[in-house]
């Protein structure tokens, strides 16, 4: 029991602060605006560190990929598997929200004043598709990368910087070490700021509920129920399907035989990073070669999170509904799926992580930064099931990658080899 509270302490504190803030908002109404500055303080602290956090975490994840045998084929297979599974998760997530929109039949008229402060409902300038594409992924000046409004462009720069560091080989190693150190320092800085999170989020949530009323609370309950349903379908249904594709009936048997330890660890720690050692041990027991296991598991902890893709869809649909944006438009549907996919690639591998992905959502769709706490609450309530999908998903992906690299008989060969070694 003590271990449970130790692992979940931060999440429980955040949930408690949100509940207390919500109750205060319902009880005191607009009077809770007096504590809003305490919430703004938390937001500003996060906004101050978000840019270096994004750069170091993403550039470091790429720059510190181990150079292993068959590196090119392994990395190519990992990329393919990560992309395909994340797209599947995004499509399933969007289908789920289409059937059960968390804010359906909810009165969101109280947000009219907030909408007037932003241009999310205004038509964009008439620019060509190619020009819009250029503006989406790049900026015209390096200094513009330091704005939280250009999150996607910063991610592109960070990825390129990480790859350039890898290409520099020996001369790039000091830079890779610097990026790794910088990533660790920024994560520690986030941890320091998160000590204040229960107070900051509680105060901000109190002012939000005081302004918007109880309707949004019903939306959070429906969002949590929807997420649990999607998580169970994906965990039992699609993980089984992926294991079957990777190794047939034997693959399904082997996967579920060794999936319990990674699953329990993910739920107990709420951390993809903390689950890496257990995941490595389990995938090796599944017959995955060392070079594939030791590449995909650490890389996946930072760049492959199907549970976060589900969460990304949920957050985007939540905001689209709040701001009355059209979700039936084909272009918007593609945008939702694409951004949800990116959110799964940039979420930090830390308990309660998600600030980077949430800022990306606000930046791409033009929502005001002030609504960040509204979707941060979703991150808190779905943390445990999201980590389960994020972390355990990497183990079944390791089997899929081995299938691509080693061929269709890889599993039988692996177990035959282990039997020969034992005899």
Protein backbone atom coordinates (compact mmCIF):
# COMPACT_ATOMS: atom_id res chain seq x y z
CA UNK A 1 0.00 0.00 0.00
CA UNK A 2 2.85 2.35 0.88
CA UNK A 3 4.46 1.71 -2.49
CA UNK A 4 1.16 2.49 -4.24
CA UNK A 5 0.86 5.91 -2.59
CA UNK A 6 4.52 6.64 -3.25
CA UNK A 7 4.17 5.95 -6.99
CA UNK A 8 0.86 7.76 -7.34
CA UNK A 9 1.53 10.60 -4.91
CA UNK A 10 1.93 13.32 -7.53
CA UNK A 11 -1.13 12.21 -9.50
CA UNK A 12 -3.23 11.90 -6.33
CA UNK A 13 -2.19 15.37 -5.20
CA UNK A 14 -3.12 16.84 -8.57
CA UNK A 15 -6.47 15.05 -8.54
CA UNK A 16 -7.15 16.25 -5.00
CA UNK A 17 -6.28 19.84 -5.91
CA UNK A 18 -8.49 19.69 -9.00
CA UNK A 19 -11.41 18.29 -6.97
CA UNK A 20 -10.98 20.95 -4.27
CA UNK A 21 -10.65 23.67 -6.93
CA UNK A 22 -13.74 22.41 -8.75
CA UNK A 23 -15.73 22.34 -5.51
CA UNK A 24 -14.60 25.88 -4.67
CA UNK A 25 -15.60 27.05 -8.14
CA UNK A 26 -19.08 25.55 -7.77
CA UNK A 27 -19.47 26.97 -4.27
CA UNK A 28 -18.12 30.50 -4.74
CA UNK A 29 -18.71 31.05 -8.46
CA UNK A 30 -16.99 34.06 -10.03
CA UNK A 31 -15.53 35.06 -6.65
CA UNK A 32 -12.82 32.43 -7.26
CA UNK A 33 -11.23 34.79 -9.79
CA UNK A 34 -9.31 36.20 -6.82
CA UNK A 35 -7.06 33.10 -6.78
CA UNK A 36 -6.51 33.08 -10.56
CA UNK A 37 -3.09 34.82 -10.27
CA UNK A 38 -1.78 31.77 -8.38
CA UNK A 39 -2.81 29.68 -11.37
CA UNK A 40 -1.24 32.17 -13.76
CA UNK A 41 2.01 31.86 -11.83
CA UNK A 42 2.12 28.12 -12.50
CA UNK A 43 1.32 28.64 -16.18
CA UNK A 44 4.01 31.28 -16.59
CA UNK A 45 6.61 29.06 -14.94
CA UNK A 46 5.79 26.28 -17.39
CA UNK A 47 5.78 28.68 -20.35
CA UNK A 48 9.26 29.86 -19.32
CA UNK A 49 10.78 26.38 -19.54
CA UNK A 50 8.75 24.81 -22.34
CA UNK A 51 11.04 25.90 -25.20
CA UNK A 52 14.35 24.48 -23.83
CA UNK A 53 12.45 21.42 -22.56
CA UNK A 54 11.17 20.61 -26.06
CA UNK A 55 14.55 21.19 -27.70
CA UNK A 56 16.64 19.14 -25.27
CA UNK A 57 14.21 16.24 -24.86
CA UNK A 58 13.64 15.66 -28.59
CA UNK A 59 17.15 16.42 -29.84
CA UNK A 60 18.64 14.24 -27.08
CA UNK A 61 16.34 11.29 -27.84
CA UNK A 62 17.57 11.24 -31.44
CA UNK A 63 21.19 12.22 -30.90
CA UNK A 64 21.75 9.49 -28.30
CA UNK A 65 20.44 6.57 -30.33
CA UNK A 66 22.97 3.76 -30.01
CA UNK A 67 24.87 2.80 -33.12
CA UNK A 68 24.11 -0.92 -33.37
CA UNK A 69 24.44 -3.63 -35.99
CA UNK A 70 21.82 -3.41 -38.75
CA UNK A 71 21.17 0.12 -37.51
CA UNK A 72 19.58 1.39 -40.73
CA UNK A 73 17.18 -1.51 -41.16
CA UNK A 74 16.24 -1.52 -37.50
CA UNK A 75 15.59 2.23 -37.38
CA UNK A 76 13.59 2.07 -40.62
CA UNK A 77 11.46 -0.77 -39.24
CA UNK A 78 10.96 1.04 -35.93
CA UNK A 79 9.84 4.18 -37.75
CA UNK A 80 7.35 2.20 -39.87
CA UNK A 81 5.87 0.34 -36.91
CA UNK A 82 5.65 3.45 -34.73
CA UNK A 83 3.95 5.46 -37.48
CA UNK A 84 1.43 2.77 -38.42
CA UNK A 85 0.42 1.93 -34.84
CA UNK A 86 0.13 5.61 -33.90
CA UNK A 87 -2.07 6.29 -36.95
CA UNK A 88 -4.28 3.32 -36.01
CA UNK A 89 -4.58 4.72 -32.48
CA UNK A 90 -5.46 8.19 -33.81
CA UNK A 91 -8.19 6.81 -36.09
CA UNK A 92 -9.66 4.67 -33.29
CA UNK A 93 -9.55 7.62 -30.91
CA UNK A 94 -11.34 9.91 -33.35
CA UNK A 95 -13.94 7.22 -34.07
CA UNK A 96 -14.53 6.89 -30.34
CA UNK A 97 -15.03 10.63 -29.83
CA UNK A 98 -17.39 10.69 -32.83
CA UNK A 99 -19.58 8.09 -31.13
CA UNK A 100 -19.27 9.59 -27.64
CA UNK A 101 -18.22 13.25 -27.64
CA UNK A 102 -17.33 14.15 -24.02
CA UNK A 103 -18.97 17.58 -24.34
CA UNK A 104 -22.02 16.55 -26.37
CA UNK A 105 -25.19 18.43 -25.30
CA UNK A 106 -23.12 20.60 -22.97
CA UNK A 107 -23.81 24.32 -22.73
CA UNK A 108 -20.53 26.02 -23.65
CA UNK A 109 -21.96 29.51 -24.11
CA UNK A 110 -19.97 30.69 -21.09
CA UNK A 111 -16.84 30.46 -23.23
CA UNK A 112 -18.07 33.18 -25.58
CA UNK A 113 -16.04 35.83 -23.76
CA UNK A 114 -12.91 33.67 -23.90
CA UNK A 115 -13.46 33.08 -27.63
CA UNK A 116 -13.51 36.81 -28.23
CA UNK A 117 -9.95 36.99 -26.90
CA UNK A 118 -8.63 34.68 -29.59
CA UNK A 119 -8.89 34.33 -33.32
CA UNK A 120 -9.68 30.61 -33.40
CA UNK A 121 -13.09 31.27 -34.92
CA UNK A 122 -11.82 33.72 -37.52
CA UNK A 123 -10.98 32.58 -41.03
CA UNK A 124 -7.31 32.26 -41.79
CA UNK A 125 -5.59 34.33 -44.40
CA UNK A 126 -5.99 33.20 -47.98
CA UNK A 127 -2.67 31.50 -48.65
CA UNK A 128 -1.80 28.58 -50.91
CA UNK A 129 -1.55 25.06 -49.52
CA UNK A 130 2.22 24.89 -50.11
CA UNK A 131 2.77 28.25 -48.44
CA UNK A 132 0.70 27.12 -45.45
CA UNK A 133 2.73 23.91 -45.29
CA UNK A 134 5.98 25.89 -45.23
CA UNK A 135 4.66 28.16 -42.47
CA UNK A 136 3.45 25.17 -40.47
CA UNK A 137 6.85 23.45 -40.28
CA UNK A 138 9.35 26.33 -40.53
CA UNK A 139 9.90 29.93 -39.46
CA UNK A 140 11.69 32.72 -41.29
CA UNK A 141 14.09 33.54 -38.45
CA UNK A 142 15.87 31.49 -35.79
CA UNK A 143 14.68 33.81 -33.01
CA UNK A 144 11.07 32.90 -33.79
CA UNK A 145 11.76 29.37 -32.56
CA UNK A 146 11.83 30.79 -29.03
CA UNK A 147 8.09 31.51 -29.14
CA UNK A 148 5.67 28.96 -27.67
CA UNK A 149 3.39 29.77 -30.61
CA UNK A 150 5.84 28.01 -32.95
CA UNK A 151 6.00 24.66 -31.16
CA UNK A 152 5.81 22.44 -34.25
CA UNK A 153 8.58 24.40 -35.98
CA UNK A 154 10.76 23.99 -32.87
CA UNK A 155 10.14 20.24 -32.94
CA UNK A 156 11.26 20.08 -36.59
CA UNK A 157 14.43 22.01 -35.72
CA UNK A 158 15.11 19.73 -32.73
CA UNK A 159 14.72 16.59 -34.85
CA UNK A 160 17.10 17.96 -37.50
CA UNK A 161 19.60 18.99 -34.83
CA UNK A 162 19.49 15.50 -33.28
CA UNK A 163 20.01 13.79 -36.65
CA UNK A 164 22.86 16.15 -37.51
CA UNK A 165 24.51 15.22 -34.21
CA UNK A 166 24.25 11.52 -35.11
CA UNK A 167 25.72 12.19 -38.57
CA UNK A 168 28.67 14.02 -36.99
CA UNK A 169 29.69 10.70 -35.36
CA UNK A 170 32.76 11.11 -33.10
CA UNK A 171 32.79 14.90 -33.30
CA UNK A 172 29.11 14.95 -32.40
CA UNK A 173 29.48 12.92 -29.21
CA UNK A 174 30.21 15.92 -26.95
CA UNK A 175 27.08 17.59 -28.32
CA UNK A 176 25.04 14.41 -27.73
CA UNK A 177 26.32 14.30 -24.14
CA UNK A 178 25.40 17.98 -23.72
CA UNK A 179 21.89 17.34 -25.07
CA UNK A 180 21.46 14.37 -22.74
CA UNK A 181 22.61 16.43 -19.78
CA UNK A 182 20.38 19.33 -20.82
CA UNK A 183 17.38 17.01 -21.12
CA UNK A 184 18.00 15.65 -17.62
CA UNK A 185 18.35 19.16 -16.17
CA UNK A 186 15.14 20.37 -17.85
CA UNK A 187 13.22 17.35 -16.56
CA UNK A 188 14.50 18.12 -13.06
CA UNK A 189 13.39 21.71 -13.52
CA UNK A 190 9.92 20.50 -14.48
CA UNK A 191 9.89 18.33 -11.35
CA UNK A 192 10.73 21.40 -9.24
CA UNK A 193 7.92 23.44 -10.79
CA UNK A 194 5.51 20.50 -10.42
CA UNK A 195 5.82 20.80 -6.64
CA UNK A 196 3.75 23.95 -7.05
CA UNK A 197 1.35 22.33 -9.55
CA UNK A 198 -1.32 21.24 -7.00
CA UNK A 199 -1.68 24.83 -5.79
CA UNK A 200 -1.40 26.42 -9.24
CA UNK A 201 -3.75 24.04 -11.04
CA UNK A 202 -6.18 23.96 -8.12
CA UNK A 203 -6.48 27.76 -8.11
CA UNK A 204 -6.77 28.00 -11.87
CA UNK A 205 -9.35 25.23 -12.02
CA UNK A 206 -11.37 26.94 -9.30
CA UNK A 207 -11.52 30.12 -11.37
CA UNK A 208 -12.39 28.16 -14.55
CA UNK A 209 -15.24 26.27 -12.87
CA UNK A 210 -16.38 29.47 -11.21
CA UNK A 211 -16.67 31.09 -14.63
CA UNK A 212 -17.92 28.16 -16.72
CA UNK A 213 -20.15 26.30 -14.25
CA UNK A 214 -20.62 22.59 -13.56
CA UNK A 215 -21.28 21.50 -17.15
CA UNK A 216 -17.58 21.10 -17.93
CA UNK A 217 -17.19 18.69 -14.98
CA UNK A 218 -19.65 16.32 -16.64
CA UNK A 219 -17.47 16.53 -19.75
CA UNK A 220 -14.41 15.34 -17.79
CA UNK A 221 -16.31 12.34 -16.40
CA UNK A 222 -17.45 11.33 -19.88
CA UNK A 223 -13.91 11.87 -21.21
CA UNK A 224 -12.48 9.50 -18.58
CA UNK A 225 -15.11 6.82 -19.27
CA UNK A 226 -14.51 7.09 -23.02
CA UNK A 227 -10.75 6.82 -22.55
CA UNK A 228 -11.08 3.68 -20.39
CA UNK A 229 -13.26 2.03 -23.03
CA UNK A 230 -10.78 2.88 -25.81
CA UNK A 231 -7.83 1.74 -23.67
CA UNK A 232 -9.39 -1.66 -22.96
CA UNK A 233 -10.26 -2.20 -26.63
CA UNK A 234 -6.76 -1.26 -27.75
CA UNK A 235 -4.93 -3.15 -24.99
CA UNK A 236 -6.69 -6.48 -25.36
CA UNK A 237 -7.82 -6.28 -28.98
CA UNK A 238 -5.11 -4.51 -30.94
CA UNK A 239 -2.13 -5.68 -28.89
CA UNK A 240 -3.31 -9.23 -29.54
CA UNK A 241 -3.66 -8.42 -33.25
CA UNK A 242 -0.15 -6.92 -33.39
CA UNK A 243 1.30 -9.96 -31.60
CA UNK A 244 -0.46 -12.26 -34.09
CA UNK A 245 0.93 -10.29 -37.05
CA UNK A 246 4.39 -10.48 -35.50
CA UNK A 247 4.45 -14.19 -34.69
CA UNK A 248 1.14 -15.90 -35.37
CA UNK A 249 -0.55 -17.89 -32.59
CA UNK A 250 2.80 -18.47 -30.93
CA UNK A 251 3.40 -14.72 -30.95
CA UNK A 252 0.10 -14.10 -29.13
CA UNK A 253 0.94 -16.77 -26.56
CA UNK A 254 4.46 -15.46 -25.97
CA UNK A 255 3.35 -11.82 -25.77
CA UNK A 256 0.64 -12.35 -23.16
CA UNK A 257 2.88 -14.69 -21.19
CA UNK A 258 5.40 -11.88 -20.67
CA UNK A 259 3.15 -8.77 -20.90
CA UNK A 260 2.02 -8.80 -17.26
CA UNK A 261 5.22 -7.42 -15.73
CA UNK A 262 5.48 -4.42 -18.11
CA UNK A 263 1.75 -3.72 -17.69
CA UNK A 264 1.81 -3.79 -13.89
CA UNK A 265 4.97 -1.67 -13.80
CA UNK A 266 3.42 0.92 -16.12
CA UNK A 267 0.28 1.22 -14.01
CA UNK A 268 2.22 1.25 -10.73
CA UNK A 269 4.73 3.91 -11.78
CA UNK A 270 2.78 6.00 -14.32
CA UNK A 271 6.11 6.42 -16.09
CA UNK A 272 7.30 5.11 -19.45
CA UNK A 273 10.87 5.92 -18.44
CA UNK A 274 10.63 3.94 -15.18
CA UNK A 275 9.25 0.97 -17.13
CA UNK A 276 12.27 0.72 -19.46
CA UNK A 277 14.24 -1.89 -17.43
CA UNK A 278 11.23 -4.21 -17.07
CA UNK A 279 10.30 -3.76 -20.73
CA UNK A 280 13.84 -4.65 -21.82
CA UNK A 281 13.81 -7.84 -19.76
CA UNK A 282 10.36 -8.84 -21.04
CA UNK A 283 11.00 -8.28 -24.76
CA UNK A 284 14.20 -10.34 -24.56
CA UNK A 285 12.14 -13.14 -23.01
CA UNK A 286 9.79 -12.75 -25.98
CA UNK A 287 12.69 -13.64 -28.28
CA UNK A 288 13.53 -10.11 -29.47
CA UNK A 289 17.28 -9.78 -30.29
CA UNK A 290 19.36 -7.57 -28.01
CA UNK A 291 20.20 -4.93 -30.63
CA UNK A 292 16.52 -4.42 -31.52
CA UNK A 293 15.37 -4.48 -27.87
CA UNK A 294 18.02 -2.02 -26.70
CA UNK A 295 17.13 0.40 -29.50
CA UNK A 296 13.34 0.31 -29.62
CA UNK A 297 12.53 0.33 -25.89
CA UNK A 298 14.50 3.48 -24.87
CA UNK A 299 13.56 5.23 -28.14
CA UNK A 300 9.91 4.24 -27.78
CA UNK A 301 9.76 5.59 -24.23
CA UNK A 302 10.27 9.07 -25.69
CA UNK A 303 8.79 8.89 -29.17
CA UNK A 304 6.04 6.24 -29.31
CA UNK A 305 2.96 6.64 -27.14
CA UNK A 306 -0.29 5.28 -28.52
CA UNK A 307 -2.00 6.08 -25.22
CA UNK A 308 -0.94 9.69 -25.62
CA UNK A 309 -2.31 9.67 -29.17
CA UNK A 310 -5.71 8.71 -27.72
CA UNK A 311 -5.30 11.48 -25.17
CA UNK A 312 -4.33 13.95 -27.90
CA UNK A 313 -7.50 13.21 -29.88
CA UNK A 314 -9.57 13.58 -26.72
CA UNK A 315 -8.01 16.95 -25.86
CA UNK A 316 -8.37 18.32 -29.39
CA UNK A 317 -12.01 17.24 -29.68
CA UNK A 318 -12.63 18.70 -26.21
CA UNK A 319 -11.29 22.09 -27.32
CA UNK A 320 -12.94 21.94 -30.75
CA UNK A 321 -16.30 21.42 -29.05
CA UNK A 322 -15.67 24.17 -26.48
CA UNK A 323 -14.80 26.67 -29.20
CA UNK A 324 -17.44 25.51 -31.66
CA UNK A 325 -15.00 24.49 -34.39
CA UNK A 326 -16.18 22.20 -37.18
CA UNK A 327 -15.06 18.58 -36.77
CA UNK A 328 -16.87 17.26 -39.85
CA UNK A 329 -14.65 19.17 -42.26
CA UNK A 330 -12.28 16.70 -43.96
CA UNK A 331 -9.29 19.03 -43.59
CA UNK A 332 -9.96 19.45 -39.87
CA UNK A 333 -10.30 15.69 -39.42
CA UNK A 334 -6.89 15.17 -41.04
CA UNK A 335 -5.44 17.95 -38.87
CA UNK A 336 -6.84 16.35 -35.71
CA UNK A 337 -5.37 12.96 -36.64
CA UNK A 338 -2.00 14.46 -37.62
CA UNK A 339 -1.61 16.57 -34.48
CA UNK A 340 -2.75 13.68 -32.26
CA UNK A 341 -0.07 11.56 -33.95
CA UNK A 342 2.56 14.22 -33.23
CA UNK A 343 1.40 14.51 -29.62
CA UNK A 344 2.17 10.81 -29.23
CA UNK A 345 5.70 11.47 -30.46
CA UNK A 346 6.56 14.45 -28.28
CA UNK A 347 5.06 13.61 -24.90
CA UNK A 348 7.73 13.58 -22.18
CA UNK A 349 8.50 10.17 -20.64
CA UNK A 350 7.76 11.35 -17.09
CA UNK A 351 4.83 10.83 -14.71
CA UNK A 352 2.12 13.37 -15.50
CA UNK A 353 3.99 14.37 -18.65
CA UNK A 354 2.18 16.01 -21.51
CA UNK A 355 2.89 19.73 -21.32
CA UNK A 356 4.79 19.63 -24.61
CA UNK A 357 1.99 17.88 -26.43
CA UNK A 358 -0.62 20.20 -24.98
CA UNK A 359 1.32 23.29 -26.03
CA UNK A 360 1.62 21.78 -29.52
CA UNK A 361 -2.18 21.42 -29.70
CA UNK A 362 -2.72 25.05 -28.66
CA UNK A 363 -0.03 26.29 -31.06
CA UNK A 364 -1.21 24.44 -34.17
CA UNK A 365 -4.92 25.16 -33.78
CA UNK A 366 -4.53 28.69 -32.47
CA UNK A 367 -6.22 28.18 -29.11
CA UNK A 368 -5.27 30.70 -26.38
CA UNK A 369 -2.57 29.52 -23.92
CA UNK A 370 -4.99 30.34 -21.10
CA UNK A 371 -6.98 27.15 -21.81
CA UNK A 372 -3.94 24.95 -21.09
CA UNK A 373 -5.23 23.91 -17.63
CA UNK A 374 -8.51 22.76 -19.18
CA UNK A 375 -6.75 20.01 -21.14
CA UNK A 376 -4.07 19.50 -18.47
CA UNK A 377 -6.84 18.08 -16.29
CA UNK A 378 -7.46 15.41 -18.94
CA UNK A 379 -3.78 14.42 -18.78
CA UNK A 380 -4.10 13.91 -15.03
CA UNK A 381 -7.24 11.76 -15.07
CA UNK A 382 -6.03 9.47 -17.89
CA UNK A 383 -2.42 9.19 -16.69
CA UNK A 384 -2.46 5.54 -15.54
CA UNK A 385 -4.28 3.91 -18.52
CA UNK A 386 -2.32 6.12 -20.95
CA UNK A 387 1.00 4.96 -19.49
CA UNK A 388 -0.21 1.35 -19.76
CA UNK A 389 -0.77 1.75 -23.52
CA UNK A 390 2.35 3.86 -24.02
CA UNK A 391 4.77 1.55 -22.25
CA UNK A 392 3.38 -1.93 -22.92
CA UNK A 393 2.78 -0.94 -26.55
CA UNK A 394 6.53 -0.71 -27.03
CA UNK A 395 6.93 -4.40 -26.16
CA UNK A 396 4.53 -5.64 -28.85
CA UNK A 397 6.07 -3.14 -31.29
CA UNK A 398 9.45 -4.74 -30.57
CA UNK A 399 7.97 -8.03 -31.80
CA UNK A 400 6.66 -6.37 -34.97
CA UNK A 401 10.05 -4.78 -35.69
CA UNK A 402 11.79 -8.15 -35.21
CA UNK A 403 9.31 -9.68 -37.69
CA UNK A 404 10.35 -7.06 -40.27
CA UNK A 405 14.08 -7.38 -39.62
CA UNK A 406 14.45 -11.15 -39.03
CA UNK A 407 11.65 -12.57 -41.20
CA UNK A 408 8.44 -14.45 -40.45
CA UNK A 409 10.12 -17.39 -38.68
CA UNK A 410 12.03 -15.24 -36.20
CA UNK A 411 10.13 -16.42 -33.14
CA UNK A 412 10.59 -20.14 -33.80
CA UNK A 413 14.27 -19.56 -34.56
CA UNK A 414 14.70 -17.56 -31.36
CA UNK A 415 13.19 -20.25 -29.16
CA UNK A 416 14.98 -23.08 -30.98
CA UNK A 417 18.24 -21.20 -30.43
CA UNK A 418 17.50 -20.76 -26.72
CA UNK A 419 16.67 -24.48 -26.38
CA UNK A 420 19.94 -25.43 -28.08
CA UNK A 421 21.88 -23.14 -25.76
CA UNK A 422 20.12 -24.64 -22.74
CA UNK A 423 20.98 -28.17 -23.82
